[in-house]
């Protein structure tokens, strides 16, 4: 099973892309012109933070009860959640950098 990026993150990323497209070229924008980009980047960071935190219970709660088949299923589910969490953490790093760059551009 391939991990799937949550719809909230996909929507926040699309909103950021749209805001940046509308504001391009960014070098010519004032604080007022960059504000929608900054807000969209912040929303993406927040969506990623929520998605990352939401995966913790599915990674941290493997129960030894239920027999070998149940344990294997839990380990497989935790592995899939960990893969997704790793992708989201990487995305969070990039989104945070975009946010910081936009904030620095405003002085």
N, C-alpha and C. Protein backbone atom coordinates (compact mmCIF):
# COMPACT_ATOMS: atom_id res chain seq x y z
N UNK A 1 0.84 -1.18 0.00
CA UNK A 1 0.00 0.00 0.00
C UNK A 1 0.89 1.25 0.00
N UNK A 2 0.63 2.17 -0.91
CA UNK A 2 1.40 3.41 -0.98
C UNK A 2 0.77 4.45 -0.06
N UNK A 3 1.60 5.17 0.67
CA UNK A 3 1.05 6.23 1.50
C UNK A 3 0.45 7.33 0.64
N UNK A 4 -0.60 7.94 1.14
CA UNK A 4 -1.30 8.98 0.40
C UNK A 4 -1.22 10.30 1.17
N UNK A 5 -0.87 11.35 0.48
CA UNK A 5 -0.80 12.68 1.09
C UNK A 5 -2.24 13.11 1.42
N UNK A 6 -2.48 13.58 2.64
CA UNK A 6 -3.83 13.98 3.03
C UNK A 6 -4.39 15.10 2.14
N UNK A 7 -5.70 15.08 1.89
CA UNK A 7 -6.31 16.11 1.04
C UNK A 7 -6.11 17.54 1.55
N UNK A 8 -6.04 17.71 2.87
CA UNK A 8 -5.82 19.06 3.41
C UNK A 8 -4.47 19.61 3.00
N UNK A 9 -3.47 18.73 2.95
CA UNK A 9 -2.13 19.15 2.53
C UNK A 9 -2.11 19.45 1.04
N UNK A 10 -2.77 18.61 0.26
CA UNK A 10 -2.83 18.82 -1.20
C UNK A 10 -3.52 20.15 -1.50
N UNK A 11 -4.62 20.44 -0.80
CA UNK A 11 -5.35 21.69 -1.02
C UNK A 11 -4.50 22.90 -0.60
N UNK A 12 -3.80 22.79 0.52
CA UNK A 12 -2.96 23.90 0.97
C UNK A 12 -1.80 24.14 0.01
N UNK A 13 -1.24 23.07 -0.53
CA UNK A 13 -0.16 23.20 -1.51
C UNK A 13 -0.68 23.86 -2.79
N UNK A 14 -1.84 23.46 -3.24
CA UNK A 14 -2.44 24.06 -4.44
C UNK A 14 -2.72 25.54 -4.22
N UNK A 15 -3.17 25.91 -3.03
CA UNK A 15 -3.43 27.31 -2.72
C UNK A 15 -2.14 28.13 -2.73
N UNK A 16 -1.06 27.55 -2.20
CA UNK A 16 0.23 28.23 -2.21
C UNK A 16 0.72 28.41 -3.64
N UNK A 17 0.60 27.37 -4.44
CA UNK A 17 1.02 27.47 -5.84
C UNK A 17 0.24 28.56 -6.57
N UNK A 18 -1.06 28.62 -6.32
CA UNK A 18 -1.90 29.63 -6.98
C UNK A 18 -1.51 31.04 -6.52
N UNK A 19 -1.26 31.20 -5.22
CA UNK A 19 -0.88 32.52 -4.70
C UNK A 19 0.45 32.97 -5.29
N UNK A 20 1.40 32.06 -5.39
CA UNK A 20 2.70 32.42 -5.96
C UNK A 20 2.58 32.74 -7.44
N UNK A 21 1.76 32.00 -8.15
CA UNK A 21 1.53 32.28 -9.58
C UNK A 21 0.93 33.67 -9.77
N UNK A 22 -0.04 34.00 -8.92
CA UNK A 22 -0.67 35.32 -9.04
C UNK A 22 0.29 36.46 -8.68
N UNK A 23 1.21 36.21 -7.77
CA UNK A 23 2.13 37.25 -7.32
C UNK A 23 3.40 37.36 -8.15
N UNK A 24 3.59 36.46 -9.07
CA UNK A 24 4.83 36.45 -9.86
C UNK A 24 4.91 37.68 -10.76
N UNK A 25 6.08 38.25 -10.90
CA UNK A 25 7.35 37.91 -10.27
C UNK A 25 7.40 38.42 -8.82
N UNK A 26 7.83 37.56 -7.94
CA UNK A 26 7.83 37.87 -6.51
C UNK A 26 8.76 39.02 -6.15
N UNK A 27 9.83 39.17 -6.90
CA UNK A 27 10.81 40.22 -6.61
C UNK A 27 10.20 41.62 -6.72
N UNK A 28 9.13 41.74 -7.49
CA UNK A 28 8.50 43.05 -7.70
C UNK A 28 7.36 43.32 -6.72
N UNK A 29 7.12 42.42 -5.79
CA UNK A 29 5.96 42.55 -4.90
C UNK A 29 6.31 43.29 -3.61
N UNK A 30 5.34 44.04 -3.13
CA UNK A 30 5.45 44.70 -1.83
C UNK A 30 4.97 43.71 -0.77
N UNK A 31 5.00 44.15 0.49
CA UNK A 31 4.48 43.33 1.57
C UNK A 31 3.02 42.97 1.32
N UNK A 32 2.26 43.93 0.87
CA UNK A 32 0.85 43.69 0.57
C UNK A 32 0.69 42.64 -0.53
N UNK A 33 1.55 42.68 -1.53
CA UNK A 33 1.49 41.73 -2.62
C UNK A 33 1.94 40.33 -2.21
N UNK A 34 2.85 40.25 -1.23
CA UNK A 34 3.34 38.95 -0.77
C UNK A 34 2.49 38.34 0.33
N UNK A 35 1.63 39.13 0.96
CA UNK A 35 0.83 38.64 2.08
C UNK A 35 0.02 37.38 1.74
N UNK A 36 -0.65 37.31 0.59
CA UNK A 36 -1.38 36.07 0.29
C UNK A 36 -0.45 34.85 0.17
N UNK A 37 0.74 35.07 -0.35
CA UNK A 37 1.71 33.97 -0.46
C UNK A 37 2.17 33.52 0.93
N UNK A 38 2.45 34.49 1.79
CA UNK A 38 2.88 34.18 3.15
C UNK A 38 1.78 33.43 3.90
N UNK A 39 0.56 33.91 3.77
CA UNK A 39 -0.57 33.25 4.45
C UNK A 39 -0.78 31.83 3.92
N UNK A 40 -0.64 31.65 2.62
CA UNK A 40 -0.81 30.32 2.03
C UNK A 40 0.32 29.39 2.47
N UNK A 41 1.53 29.91 2.54
CA UNK A 41 2.66 29.09 3.00
C UNK A 41 2.47 28.70 4.46
N UNK A 42 2.01 29.63 5.28
CA UNK A 42 1.74 29.33 6.68
C UNK A 42 0.64 28.28 6.81
N UNK A 43 -0.39 28.38 5.99
CA UNK A 43 -1.47 27.38 6.01
C UNK A 43 -0.94 26.00 5.63
N UNK A 44 -0.03 25.95 4.66
CA UNK A 44 0.56 24.67 4.27
C UNK A 44 1.38 24.08 5.41
N UNK A 45 2.19 24.91 6.06
CA UNK A 45 2.99 24.44 7.20
C UNK A 45 2.08 23.89 8.29
N UNK A 46 1.00 24.60 8.59
CA UNK A 46 0.06 24.15 9.62
C UNK A 46 -0.63 22.85 9.22
N UNK A 47 -1.01 22.73 7.95
CA UNK A 47 -1.64 21.49 7.48
C UNK A 47 -0.67 20.31 7.60
N UNK A 48 0.58 20.56 7.26
CA UNK A 48 1.59 19.50 7.38
C UNK A 48 1.83 19.12 8.83
N UNK A 49 1.91 20.11 9.71
CA UNK A 49 2.09 19.83 11.14
C UNK A 49 0.95 18.96 11.67
N UNK A 50 -0.27 19.30 11.30
CA UNK A 50 -1.43 18.53 11.74
C UNK A 50 -1.40 17.10 11.20
N UNK A 51 -1.04 16.97 9.93
CA UNK A 51 -0.98 15.64 9.32
C UNK A 51 0.10 14.78 9.95
N UNK A 52 1.24 15.38 10.24
CA UNK A 52 2.34 14.64 10.88
C UNK A 52 1.92 14.18 12.27
N UNK A 53 1.35 15.08 13.04
CA UNK A 53 0.91 14.73 14.39
C UNK A 53 -0.19 13.68 14.37
N UNK A 54 -1.04 13.74 13.36
CA UNK A 54 -2.13 12.78 13.25
C UNK A 54 -1.68 11.35 12.96
N UNK A 55 -0.49 11.21 12.44
CA UNK A 55 0.03 9.87 12.13
C UNK A 55 0.67 9.18 13.32
N UNK A 56 1.02 9.93 14.34
CA UNK A 56 1.74 9.36 15.49
C UNK A 56 1.01 8.18 16.13
N UNK A 57 -0.31 8.27 16.37
CA UNK A 57 -0.97 7.11 17.00
C UNK A 57 -0.89 5.83 16.17
N UNK A 58 -0.90 5.94 14.86
CA UNK A 58 -0.85 4.73 14.04
C UNK A 58 0.55 4.14 13.98
N UNK A 59 1.55 4.90 14.40
CA UNK A 59 2.92 4.40 14.42
C UNK A 59 3.28 3.88 15.80
N UNK A 60 2.78 4.55 16.82
CA UNK A 60 3.22 4.29 18.19
C UNK A 60 2.41 3.23 18.94
N UNK A 61 1.33 2.76 18.38
CA UNK A 61 0.44 1.87 19.14
C UNK A 61 0.34 0.48 18.53
N UNK A 62 1.38 -0.27 18.63
CA UNK A 62 1.34 -1.66 18.19
C UNK A 62 1.09 -2.52 19.41
N UNK A 63 0.01 -3.29 19.37
CA UNK A 63 -0.39 -4.11 20.51
C UNK A 63 0.09 -5.55 20.31
N UNK A 64 0.69 -6.14 21.34
CA UNK A 64 1.16 -7.51 21.21
C UNK A 64 0.03 -8.55 21.27
N UNK A 65 -1.18 -8.11 21.58
CA UNK A 65 -2.28 -9.07 21.64
C UNK A 65 -2.86 -9.29 20.24
N UNK A 66 -3.55 -10.38 20.09
CA UNK A 66 -4.21 -10.66 18.83
C UNK A 66 -3.52 -11.69 17.97
N UNK A 67 -2.38 -12.14 18.36
CA UNK A 67 -1.71 -13.19 17.61
C UNK A 67 -0.79 -12.66 16.53
N UNK A 68 -0.01 -13.57 15.94
CA UNK A 68 1.01 -13.18 14.95
C UNK A 68 0.44 -12.46 13.73
N UNK A 69 -0.69 -12.90 13.22
CA UNK A 69 -1.25 -12.27 12.01
C UNK A 69 -1.64 -10.82 12.31
N UNK A 70 -2.24 -10.61 13.47
CA UNK A 70 -2.64 -9.25 13.85
C UNK A 70 -1.42 -8.36 14.07
N UNK A 71 -0.39 -8.91 14.66
CA UNK A 71 0.83 -8.13 14.90
C UNK A 71 1.49 -7.76 13.58
N UNK A 72 1.54 -8.69 12.65
CA UNK A 72 2.13 -8.41 11.34
C UNK A 72 1.34 -7.32 10.62
N UNK A 73 0.01 -7.39 10.70
CA UNK A 73 -0.83 -6.37 10.07
C UNK A 73 -0.57 -5.00 10.70
N UNK A 74 -0.41 -4.97 12.02
CA UNK A 74 -0.14 -3.71 12.72
C UNK A 74 1.22 -3.15 12.34
N UNK A 75 2.21 -4.03 12.24
CA UNK A 75 3.55 -3.59 11.85
C UNK A 75 3.53 -3.05 10.42
N UNK A 76 2.83 -3.72 9.52
CA UNK A 76 2.72 -3.24 8.14
C UNK A 76 2.03 -1.88 8.08
N UNK A 77 0.97 -1.71 8.87
CA UNK A 77 0.26 -0.43 8.90
C UNK A 77 1.16 0.66 9.48
N UNK A 78 1.91 0.33 10.52
CA UNK A 78 2.82 1.31 11.11
C UNK A 78 3.93 1.68 10.13
N UNK A 79 4.41 0.72 9.37
CA UNK A 79 5.44 0.98 8.37
C UNK A 79 4.92 1.94 7.29
N UNK A 80 3.70 1.70 6.83
CA UNK A 80 3.09 2.57 5.83
C UNK A 80 2.91 3.98 6.38
N UNK A 81 2.44 4.07 7.62
CA UNK A 81 2.26 5.38 8.25
C UNK A 81 3.60 6.08 8.43
N UNK A 82 4.64 5.33 8.76
CA UNK A 82 5.97 5.92 8.92
C UNK A 82 6.51 6.43 7.59
N UNK A 83 6.24 5.72 6.51
CA UNK A 83 6.65 6.20 5.18
C UNK A 83 5.98 7.53 4.87
N UNK A 84 4.68 7.60 5.13
CA UNK A 84 3.94 8.84 4.87
C UNK A 84 4.46 9.95 5.77
N UNK A 85 4.71 9.63 7.03
CA UNK A 85 5.21 10.64 7.95
C UNK A 85 6.56 11.18 7.47
N UNK A 86 7.41 10.32 6.97
CA UNK A 86 8.71 10.77 6.44
C UNK A 86 8.52 11.71 5.25
N UNK A 87 7.59 11.38 4.36
CA UNK A 87 7.31 12.26 3.23
C UNK A 87 6.79 13.62 3.70
N UNK A 88 5.89 13.58 4.67
CA UNK A 88 5.31 14.83 5.18
C UNK A 88 6.35 15.68 5.90
N UNK A 89 7.26 15.04 6.63
CA UNK A 89 8.32 15.79 7.32
C UNK A 89 9.23 16.47 6.30
N UNK A 90 9.54 15.78 5.22
CA UNK A 90 10.35 16.38 4.16
C UNK A 90 9.62 17.56 3.54
N UNK A 91 8.33 17.37 3.25
CA UNK A 91 7.52 18.46 2.71
C UNK A 91 7.47 19.63 3.68
N UNK A 92 7.39 19.33 4.97
CA UNK A 92 7.34 20.37 6.01
C UNK A 92 8.61 21.20 5.99
N UNK A 93 9.73 20.55 5.77
CA UNK A 93 10.99 21.28 5.68
C UNK A 93 11.01 22.24 4.49
N UNK A 94 10.55 21.77 3.35
CA UNK A 94 10.51 22.63 2.17
C UNK A 94 9.51 23.77 2.36
N UNK A 95 8.34 23.45 2.89
CA UNK A 95 7.31 24.47 3.09
C UNK A 95 7.78 25.52 4.10
N UNK A 96 8.46 25.07 5.14
CA UNK A 96 9.00 26.01 6.11
C UNK A 96 10.03 26.93 5.50
N UNK A 97 10.83 26.39 4.61
CA UNK A 97 11.84 27.22 3.93
C UNK A 97 11.17 28.24 3.01
N UNK A 98 10.13 27.83 2.30
CA UNK A 98 9.39 28.76 1.44
C UNK A 98 8.80 29.89 2.29
N UNK A 99 8.20 29.53 3.42
CA UNK A 99 7.62 30.52 4.32
C UNK A 99 8.69 31.50 4.80
N UNK A 100 9.82 30.98 5.22
CA UNK A 100 10.91 31.84 5.71
C UNK A 100 11.41 32.76 4.60
N UNK A 101 11.58 32.23 3.41
CA UNK A 101 12.05 33.06 2.29
C UNK A 101 11.06 34.19 1.99
N UNK A 102 9.76 33.87 2.01
CA UNK A 102 8.75 34.90 1.75
C UNK A 102 8.75 35.95 2.86
N UNK A 103 8.89 35.51 4.10
CA UNK A 103 8.92 36.45 5.21
C UNK A 103 10.15 37.35 5.14
N UNK A 104 11.29 36.79 4.75
CA UNK A 104 12.52 37.58 4.64
C UNK A 104 12.43 38.58 3.48
N UNK A 105 11.68 38.24 2.46
CA UNK A 105 11.55 39.12 1.31
C UNK A 105 10.80 40.40 1.67
N UNK A 106 10.05 40.35 2.76
CA UNK A 106 9.29 41.53 3.15
C UNK A 106 10.09 42.48 4.02
N UNK A 107 11.30 42.09 4.38
CA UNK A 107 12.16 42.97 5.15
C UNK A 107 12.04 42.65 6.57
